[in-house]
Amino acid sequence: MLLDNTKNGFILKSNFELKKAYFLFKIISSKTLTNFGKNLLKLSLKLRLPVLFIVKATVFRQFCSGENLQESFKTVKKLNDRKVKSYLHYSVEGQENEKTYDNSLKEVIKSIEFAASKDILDFTVFKPTAIASSDILNKVNEEKELSDFEKGLYERILDRFDTICKTAFKNQIKVLVDAEESWFQGAIDAIVLKMMIKYNTHSTIVYNTCQMYRHDRLKYLNELKKLSIEHGFNVGIKLVRGAYIEKENKRAIKGNFKSPICESKSATDVNFNEGTRFILSNLDNFSLFCGSHNEKSIYEILDIMKNDGIQKNDSKIWFGQLYGMSDNISFNLAQEGYNVIKYLPFGPIKEVIPYLIRRAEENTSVKGQTSRELELIKKELKRRRFN
């Protein structure tokens, strides 16, 4: 199977949409242009200039599925017609107070209930810092003593996690818990472990996200295996490379301690592939959600599945990519019968701008990804021109 079959990979995009995507990825491939665009957007919003229609017509339509669940479901159906599943995420970021945490909780619950009402939605997702204070999580992570007031806030965090996981369990919708920065990820891991022990006894409902650019994550996966055997639960893992490499390394330099990040991109790739091999060899204990845009890693997983006699549509193995990216991977895998799913962010345009800025910054830092997108789009436009 070839993942670079662009005819199938871009089957849902018109020539105009492909050219627009090419323009966007060309900008994102330049750090200078990305920073200029980001700062110009922030200034325009501050001055209340009418720029949201431009955002909607460009980056929003490329990377987001709509402004609400109903609008997004149109995209869900289009993808499903091509055997690609979806999971919806209310992608409002950068707001930290109890009111916004409670509002985000309501949106996550709404997305779970919405997914349960549709027979073509299996997963949902939430970002821990959308429902929990990073400061409180950091204190818990460092085992610092909490004040009585902070203890109350932490209890509310635990309640929000449990409310989400309980709702997902009752509705039999799988829930992915996003990863965060290393200095409070340990506190999140501990909470998610409690949720897996509680709700993953018969099937895998709760999935934690494991960022394999961290050199300690193979040890973490081994610990999870031991705990799953001890407590009798299924481990759900979304395996990714990681999203905060620059921030993590800068913090380590500033604090004069060893970075939690692998020393190189190649070391991260080795770590990621070892993680997938470990999980695939322990499917009695694990379910794998492979969140990767790396074709070499995908091919390696396919080879393991073939050699080990694992069915293409095994319910314990999913491949996920971001909406608006790596369509060549998503559509070609789905065409061959593998379980494939797209991450569909949604929300009011102005409120998802922090997500869109983060997406642009992450793509800028991963040079190989944007250049690959540009290469494939050019290939498909050329193919269409001569066919």
Protein backbone atom coordinates (compact mmCIF):
# COMPACT_ATOMS: atom_id res chain seq x y z
CA MET A 1 0.00 0.00 0.00
CA LEU A 2 1.27 3.47 -0.90
CA LEU A 3 0.48 6.36 1.43
CA ASP A 4 1.49 8.87 -1.25
CA ASN A 5 -1.49 8.06 -3.49
CA THR A 6 -2.61 11.69 -3.83
CA LYS A 7 -5.65 10.91 -5.99
CA ASN A 8 -7.22 9.10 -3.06
CA GLY A 9 -5.57 11.29 -0.45
CA PHE A 10 -7.08 14.54 -1.73
CA ILE A 11 -10.33 13.11 -3.04
CA LEU A 12 -12.48 15.58 -1.04
CA LYS A 13 -10.56 18.71 -2.10
CA SER A 14 -11.25 20.81 -5.19
CA ASN A 15 -8.44 22.44 -7.15
CA PHE A 16 -9.24 25.77 -5.47
CA GLU A 17 -9.07 24.19 -2.00
CA LEU A 18 -5.75 22.52 -2.82
CA LYS A 19 -4.25 25.80 -4.05
CA LYS A 20 -5.47 27.57 -0.91
CA ALA A 21 -3.95 24.82 1.25
CA TYR A 22 -0.67 25.16 -0.65
CA PHE A 23 -0.63 28.90 0.05
CA LEU A 24 -1.27 28.34 3.77
CA PHE A 25 1.41 25.66 4.17
CA LYS A 26 3.85 27.87 2.25
CA ILE A 27 3.34 30.60 4.85
CA ILE A 28 3.52 28.13 7.75
CA SER A 29 6.80 26.73 6.40
CA SER A 30 8.40 30.15 7.09
CA LYS A 31 8.94 31.05 10.75
CA THR A 32 9.29 34.72 9.82
CA LEU A 33 5.99 34.83 7.92
CA THR A 34 4.21 32.82 10.63
CA ASN A 35 5.39 35.16 13.39
CA PHE A 36 4.48 38.21 11.30
CA GLY A 37 0.99 36.83 10.60
CA LYS A 38 0.48 35.87 14.26
CA ASN A 39 1.47 39.32 15.52
CA LEU A 40 -0.58 41.07 12.85
CA LEU A 41 -3.65 39.01 13.80
CA LYS A 42 -3.22 39.77 17.50
CA LEU A 43 -2.84 43.49 16.78
CA SER A 44 -5.87 43.51 14.47
CA LEU A 45 -8.02 41.85 17.13
CA LYS A 46 -6.77 44.29 19.76
CA LEU A 47 -7.69 47.21 17.50
CA ARG A 48 -11.02 45.49 16.76
CA LEU A 49 -10.39 45.44 13.02
CA PRO A 50 -12.78 43.25 10.96
CA VAL A 51 -10.38 40.36 10.27
CA LEU A 52 -12.37 37.34 11.42
CA PHE A 53 -13.85 36.77 7.96
CA ILE A 54 -10.29 36.43 6.60
CA VAL A 55 -9.40 33.97 9.36
CA LYS A 56 -12.57 31.96 8.64
CA ALA A 57 -11.86 31.77 4.91
CA THR A 58 -8.25 30.63 5.39
CA VAL A 59 -6.75 28.91 8.46
CA PHE A 60 -10.10 28.23 10.16
CA ARG A 61 -11.50 26.31 7.18
CA GLN A 62 -8.21 24.43 6.75
CA PHE A 63 -7.85 23.25 10.35
CA CYS A 64 -11.33 23.50 11.94
CA SER A 65 -14.59 21.74 11.11
CA GLY A 66 -17.03 24.50 12.12
CA GLU A 67 -18.19 26.87 14.82
CA ASN A 68 -20.51 24.39 16.57
CA LEU A 69 -21.34 20.69 16.75
CA GLN A 70 -24.14 20.81 14.17
CA GLU A 71 -22.00 22.61 11.60
CA SER A 72 -19.07 20.27 12.27
CA PHE A 73 -21.22 17.18 11.79
CA LYS A 74 -21.47 18.00 8.07
CA THR A 75 -17.71 17.45 7.88
CA VAL A 76 -18.04 14.29 9.98
CA LYS A 77 -20.48 12.84 7.42
CA LYS A 78 -18.27 13.74 4.44
CA LEU A 79 -15.31 12.02 6.05
CA ASN A 80 -17.40 9.01 7.06
CA ASP A 81 -18.52 8.55 3.47
CA ARG A 82 -14.83 7.89 2.74
CA LYS A 83 -14.49 5.48 5.70
CA VAL A 84 -12.68 8.05 7.85
CA LYS A 85 -14.07 8.54 11.37
CA SER A 86 -13.96 11.80 13.35
CA TYR A 87 -13.65 13.04 16.89
CA LEU A 88 -14.80 16.52 17.78
CA HIS A 89 -13.04 18.92 20.14
CA TYR A 90 -14.24 22.25 21.48
CA SER A 91 -10.86 23.93 20.97
CA VAL A 92 -11.03 27.01 23.17
CA GLU A 93 -7.66 27.56 24.87
CA GLY A 94 -5.73 30.02 27.00
CA GLN A 95 -8.38 30.82 29.61
CA GLU A 96 -7.69 29.85 33.22
CA ASN A 97 -10.38 30.45 35.84
CA GLU A 98 -13.07 28.38 37.54
CA LYS A 99 -15.86 29.79 35.38
CA THR A 100 -14.16 28.83 32.12
CA TYR A 101 -13.25 25.40 33.53
CA ASP A 102 -16.94 24.75 34.29
CA ASN A 103 -17.94 26.03 30.84
CA SER A 104 -15.38 23.74 29.19
CA LEU A 105 -16.70 20.83 31.24
CA LYS A 106 -20.20 21.51 29.90
CA GLU A 107 -18.86 21.58 26.33
CA VAL A 108 -17.03 18.27 26.77
CA ILE A 109 -20.14 16.63 28.23
CA LYS A 110 -22.17 18.06 25.37
CA SER A 111 -19.70 16.60 22.84
CA ILE A 112 -19.90 13.15 24.50
CA GLU A 113 -23.71 13.18 24.47
CA PHE A 114 -23.69 14.44 20.89
CA ALA A 115 -21.32 11.62 19.85
CA ALA A 116 -23.56 9.09 21.62
CA SER A 117 -26.55 10.32 19.61
CA LYS A 118 -24.73 9.62 16.31
CA ASP A 119 -23.77 6.12 15.28
CA ILE A 120 -20.69 7.29 13.34
CA LEU A 121 -18.85 8.94 16.27
CA ASP A 122 -16.75 6.77 18.61
CA PHE A 123 -14.32 9.15 20.33
CA THR A 124 -14.15 12.52 22.01
CA VAL A 125 -11.24 14.44 23.53
CA PHE A 126 -10.45 17.13 26.06
CA LYS A 127 -7.44 19.17 27.12
CA PRO A 128 -6.75 18.95 30.89
CA THR A 129 -5.90 22.66 31.22
CA ALA A 130 -9.33 23.48 29.80
CA ILE A 131 -10.86 22.07 32.99
CA ALA A 132 -7.99 22.37 35.50
CA SER A 133 -5.52 24.95 36.80
CA SER A 134 -1.97 24.27 35.62
CA ASP A 135 -0.70 25.93 38.81
CA ILE A 136 -2.58 23.49 41.03
CA LEU A 137 -1.50 20.54 38.87
CA ASN A 138 2.10 21.74 39.04
CA LYS A 139 1.96 21.90 42.85
CA VAL A 140 0.50 18.40 43.03
CA ASN A 141 3.13 17.18 40.57
CA GLU A 142 5.93 18.58 42.76
CA GLU A 143 4.25 17.21 45.90
CA LYS A 144 4.00 20.67 47.43
CA GLU A 145 1.55 21.20 50.25
CA LEU A 146 -1.78 22.68 49.18
CA SER A 147 -3.67 25.24 51.21
CA ASP A 148 -7.23 24.38 52.24
CA PHE A 149 -8.48 26.60 49.42
CA GLU A 150 -6.20 24.86 46.89
CA LYS A 151 -7.31 21.45 48.18
CA GLY A 152 -10.86 22.50 47.35
CA LEU A 153 -9.80 23.49 43.83
CA TYR A 154 -8.01 20.17 43.37
CA GLU A 155 -11.11 18.26 44.46
CA ARG A 156 -13.07 20.16 41.81
CA ILE A 157 -10.45 19.12 39.23
CA LEU A 158 -10.87 15.47 40.22
CA ASP A 159 -14.66 15.85 40.06
CA ARG A 160 -14.49 17.31 36.54
CA PHE A 161 -12.26 14.47 35.31
CA ASP A 162 -14.57 11.90 36.87
CA THR A 163 -17.71 13.56 35.47
CA ILE A 164 -16.26 13.41 31.96
CA CYS A 165 -15.05 9.80 32.23
CA LYS A 166 -18.25 8.63 33.90
CA THR A 167 -20.35 10.24 31.14
CA ALA A 168 -18.12 8.64 28.49
CA PHE A 169 -18.44 5.25 30.22
CA LYS A 170 -22.25 5.47 30.46
CA ASN A 171 -22.49 6.40 26.78
CA GLN A 172 -19.70 4.00 25.66
CA ILE A 173 -17.80 6.82 23.96
CA LYS A 174 -14.01 6.62 24.10
CA VAL A 175 -12.35 9.72 25.59
CA LEU A 176 -8.82 10.89 24.81
CA VAL A 177 -7.05 13.00 27.44
CA ASP A 178 -4.59 15.38 25.76
CA ALA A 179 -1.00 15.71 26.99
CA GLU A 180 0.41 18.87 28.55
CA GLU A 181 3.82 20.21 29.59
CA SER A 182 6.08 17.85 31.56
CA TRP A 183 6.13 19.91 34.76
CA PHE A 184 2.53 18.98 35.53
CA GLN A 185 1.93 15.99 33.25
CA GLY A 186 2.73 13.64 36.13
CA ALA A 187 -0.28 14.92 38.08
CA ILE A 188 -2.46 14.36 35.01
CA ASP A 189 -1.05 10.84 34.55
CA ALA A 190 -1.99 10.01 38.13
CA ILE A 191 -5.57 11.25 37.68
CA VAL A 192 -6.02 9.44 34.35
CA LEU A 193 -4.66 6.24 35.89
CA LYS A 194 -7.44 6.41 38.50
CA MET A 195 -9.97 6.92 35.71
CA MET A 196 -8.63 3.93 33.73
CA ILE A 197 -8.73 1.68 36.78
CA LYS A 198 -12.31 2.78 37.41
CA TYR A 199 -13.76 2.79 33.87
CA ASN A 200 -11.55 0.52 31.72
CA THR A 201 -12.39 -2.80 33.38
CA HIS A 202 -14.36 -4.34 30.47
CA SER A 203 -13.38 -2.17 27.49
CA THR A 204 -11.06 0.75 26.79
CA ILE A 205 -12.92 3.99 27.40
CA VAL A 206 -10.24 6.32 28.82
CA TYR A 207 -7.01 6.98 26.87
CA ASN A 208 -4.04 8.93 28.18
CA THR A 209 -1.69 10.70 25.75
CA CYS A 210 1.97 9.69 25.82
CA GLN A 211 4.48 12.12 24.27
CA MET A 212 7.39 10.01 23.06
CA TYR A 213 9.80 12.93 22.68
CA ARG A 214 10.20 12.44 26.44
CA HIS A 215 12.98 9.96 27.17
CA ASP A 216 11.15 8.50 30.20
CA ARG A 217 7.99 7.38 28.44
CA LEU A 218 9.01 3.78 27.68
CA LYS A 219 9.51 3.32 31.41
CA TYR A 220 6.04 4.83 31.93
CA LEU A 221 4.48 2.34 29.48
CA ASN A 222 6.15 -0.57 31.27
CA GLU A 223 4.79 0.67 34.60
CA LEU A 224 1.30 0.88 33.11
CA LYS A 225 1.51 -2.73 31.95
CA LYS A 226 2.38 -3.89 35.47
CA LEU A 227 -0.46 -1.82 36.97
CA SER A 228 -2.98 -3.11 34.41
CA ILE A 229 -2.17 -6.70 35.36
CA GLU A 230 -2.26 -5.87 39.07
CA HIS A 231 -5.56 -3.96 38.98
CA GLY A 232 -7.25 -5.71 36.03
CA PHE A 233 -7.92 -2.82 33.63
CA ASN A 234 -7.25 -2.00 29.98
CA VAL A 235 -4.68 0.71 29.23
CA GLY A 236 -5.70 3.21 26.56
CA ILE A 237 -2.75 5.10 25.06
CA LYS A 238 -2.68 7.79 22.42
CA LEU A 239 0.93 7.75 21.24
CA VAL A 240 2.32 11.01 19.81
CA ARG A 241 5.75 12.50 19.33
CA GLY A 242 5.04 15.70 21.30
CA ALA A 243 4.09 19.34 20.94
CA TYR A 244 6.10 21.47 23.37
CA ILE A 245 9.72 20.76 22.46
CA GLU A 246 10.98 24.37 22.33
CA LYS A 247 9.20 25.35 25.55
CA GLU A 248 10.51 22.24 27.36
CA ASN A 249 14.13 22.77 26.27
CA LYS A 250 14.11 26.48 27.08
CA ARG A 251 12.76 25.77 30.57
CA ALA A 252 15.47 23.16 31.15
CA ILE A 253 18.21 25.57 30.08
CA LYS A 254 16.81 28.34 32.25
CA GLY A 255 16.47 26.03 35.27
CA ASN A 256 19.87 24.41 34.65
CA PHE A 257 18.53 20.84 34.68
CA LYS A 258 18.46 18.00 32.16
CA SER A 259 15.72 18.39 29.59
CA PRO A 260 13.01 15.69 29.64
CA ILE A 261 13.15 15.72 25.83
CA CYS A 262 15.15 13.28 23.71
CA GLU A 263 18.44 14.68 22.45
CA SER A 264 17.48 14.58 18.77
CA LYS A 265 14.65 14.09 16.30
CA SER A 266 16.07 10.67 15.38
CA ALA A 267 16.14 9.65 19.07
CA THR A 268 12.48 10.69 19.33
CA ASP A 269 11.64 8.61 16.26
CA VAL A 270 13.37 5.57 17.80
CA ASN A 271 11.51 6.13 21.08
CA PHE A 272 8.17 6.47 19.27
CA ASN A 273 8.70 3.30 17.24
CA GLU A 274 9.78 1.35 20.33
CA GLY A 275 6.62 2.58 22.07
CA THR A 276 4.40 1.32 19.25
CA ARG A 277 6.21 -2.04 19.18
CA PHE A 278 5.80 -2.41 22.94
CA ILE A 279 2.06 -1.69 22.83
CA LEU A 280 1.43 -3.89 19.78
CA SER A 281 3.19 -6.78 21.52
CA ASN A 282 0.97 -6.28 24.58
CA LEU A 283 -2.51 -5.88 23.10
CA ASP A 284 -3.95 -8.03 25.89
CA ASN A 285 -3.26 -5.06 28.15
CA PHE A 286 -3.25 -2.07 25.77
CA SER A 287 -5.30 -0.28 23.13
CA LEU A 288 -3.32 1.93 20.76
CA PHE A 289 -4.37 5.24 19.25
CA CYS A 290 -1.45 6.18 16.99
CA GLY A 291 -1.48 9.96 16.55
CA SER A 292 1.21 10.28 13.89
CA HIS A 293 1.84 12.16 10.65
CA ASN A 294 5.09 10.25 10.09
CA GLU A 295 4.76 7.85 7.17
CA LYS A 296 7.76 5.71 8.17
CA SER A 297 6.24 5.07 11.60
CA ILE A 298 2.89 4.18 10.02
CA TYR A 299 4.54 1.72 7.61
CA GLU A 300 6.36 0.09 10.54
CA ILE A 301 3.07 -0.42 12.41
CA LEU A 302 1.46 -1.89 9.29
CA ASP A 303 4.37 -4.33 8.92
CA ILE A 304 4.07 -5.44 12.55
CA MET A 305 0.33 -5.94 12.19
CA LYS A 306 0.82 -8.01 9.05
CA ASN A 307 3.65 -10.12 10.49
CA ASP A 308 1.80 -10.74 13.75
CA GLY A 309 -1.49 -11.56 12.04
CA ILE A 310 -3.33 -8.59 13.55
CA GLN A 311 -6.49 -7.74 11.62
CA LYS A 312 -6.54 -4.38 9.83
CA ASN A 313 -9.73 -3.36 11.61
CA ASP A 314 -8.72 -4.63 15.07
CA SER A 315 -10.75 -2.50 17.50
CA LYS A 316 -7.67 -1.98 19.68
CA ILE A 317 -5.72 -0.11 17.00
CA TRP A 318 -6.58 3.33 15.62
CA PHE A 319 -4.67 5.76 13.40
CA GLY A 320 -5.36 9.47 13.93
CA GLN A 321 -4.36 12.63 12.08
CA LEU A 322 -5.27 16.28 12.43
CA TYR A 323 -8.01 17.72 10.24
CA GLY A 324 -6.45 19.60 7.33
CA MET A 325 -3.20 17.65 7.44
CA SER A 326 -1.80 14.31 6.22
CA ASP A 327 -4.91 13.45 4.23
CA ASN A 328 -2.72 11.12 2.18
CA ILE A 329 -2.22 8.96 5.29
CA SER A 330 -5.81 9.13 6.51
CA PHE A 331 -7.65 8.36 3.27
CA ASN A 332 -5.25 5.71 1.99
CA LEU A 333 -5.28 3.82 5.29
CA ALA A 334 -9.08 4.01 5.45
CA GLN A 335 -9.36 2.78 1.87
CA GLU A 336 -7.40 -0.32 2.89
CA GLY A 337 -9.71 -1.06 5.83
CA TYR A 338 -7.73 0.26 8.82
CA ASN A 339 -9.41 2.20 11.65
CA VAL A 340 -8.73 5.85 10.85
CA ILE A 341 -9.95 8.98 12.58
CA LYS A 342 -9.54 12.72 12.11
CA TYR A 343 -9.25 15.25 14.93
CA LEU A 344 -11.89 17.94 14.25
CA PRO A 345 -11.50 21.13 16.32
CA PHE A 346 -14.51 23.43 16.47
CA GLY A 347 -15.68 26.57 18.24
CA PRO A 348 -16.40 30.27 17.71
CA ILE A 349 -13.75 31.68 15.36
CA LYS A 350 -12.43 34.33 17.75
CA GLU A 351 -12.15 31.83 20.60
CA VAL A 352 -10.28 29.14 18.65
CA ILE A 353 -7.61 31.59 17.43
CA PRO A 354 -5.20 30.53 20.24
CA TYR A 355 -5.52 26.95 18.96
CA LEU A 356 -4.93 28.06 15.36
CA ILE A 357 -1.85 30.06 16.40
CA ARG A 358 -0.49 27.04 18.28
CA ARG A 359 -1.16 24.82 15.28
CA ALA A 360 0.75 27.22 12.99
CA GLU A 361 3.67 27.44 15.45
CA GLU A 362 3.88 23.66 15.82
CA ASN A 363 3.83 23.15 12.06
CA THR A 364 6.54 25.78 11.63
CA SER A 365 8.80 23.92 14.07
CA VAL A 366 8.29 20.61 12.22
CA LYS A 367 9.89 21.48 8.89
CA GLY A 368 9.55 18.01 7.38
CA GLN A 369 5.79 17.98 7.84
CA THR A 370 5.00 21.24 6.03
CA SER A 371 7.42 20.47 3.20
CA ARG A 372 5.77 17.05 2.80
CA GLU A 373 2.31 18.66 2.60
CA LEU A 374 3.57 21.07 -0.08
CA GLU A 375 5.19 18.25 -2.05
CA LEU A 376 2.01 16.15 -2.06
CA ILE A 377 -0.26 19.05 -3.02
CA LYS A 378 2.03 19.94 -5.93
CA LYS A 379 2.02 16.29 -7.02
CA GLU A 380 -1.78 16.11 -6.99
CA LEU A 381 -2.27 19.42 -8.82
CA LYS A 382 0.14 18.21 -11.50
CA ARG A 383 -1.66 14.85 -11.74
CA ARG A 384 -5.01 16.61 -12.21
CA ARG A 385 -3.58 18.91 -14.84
CA PHE A 386 -2.48 16.01 -17.02
CA ASN A 387 -5.45 13.67 -16.43
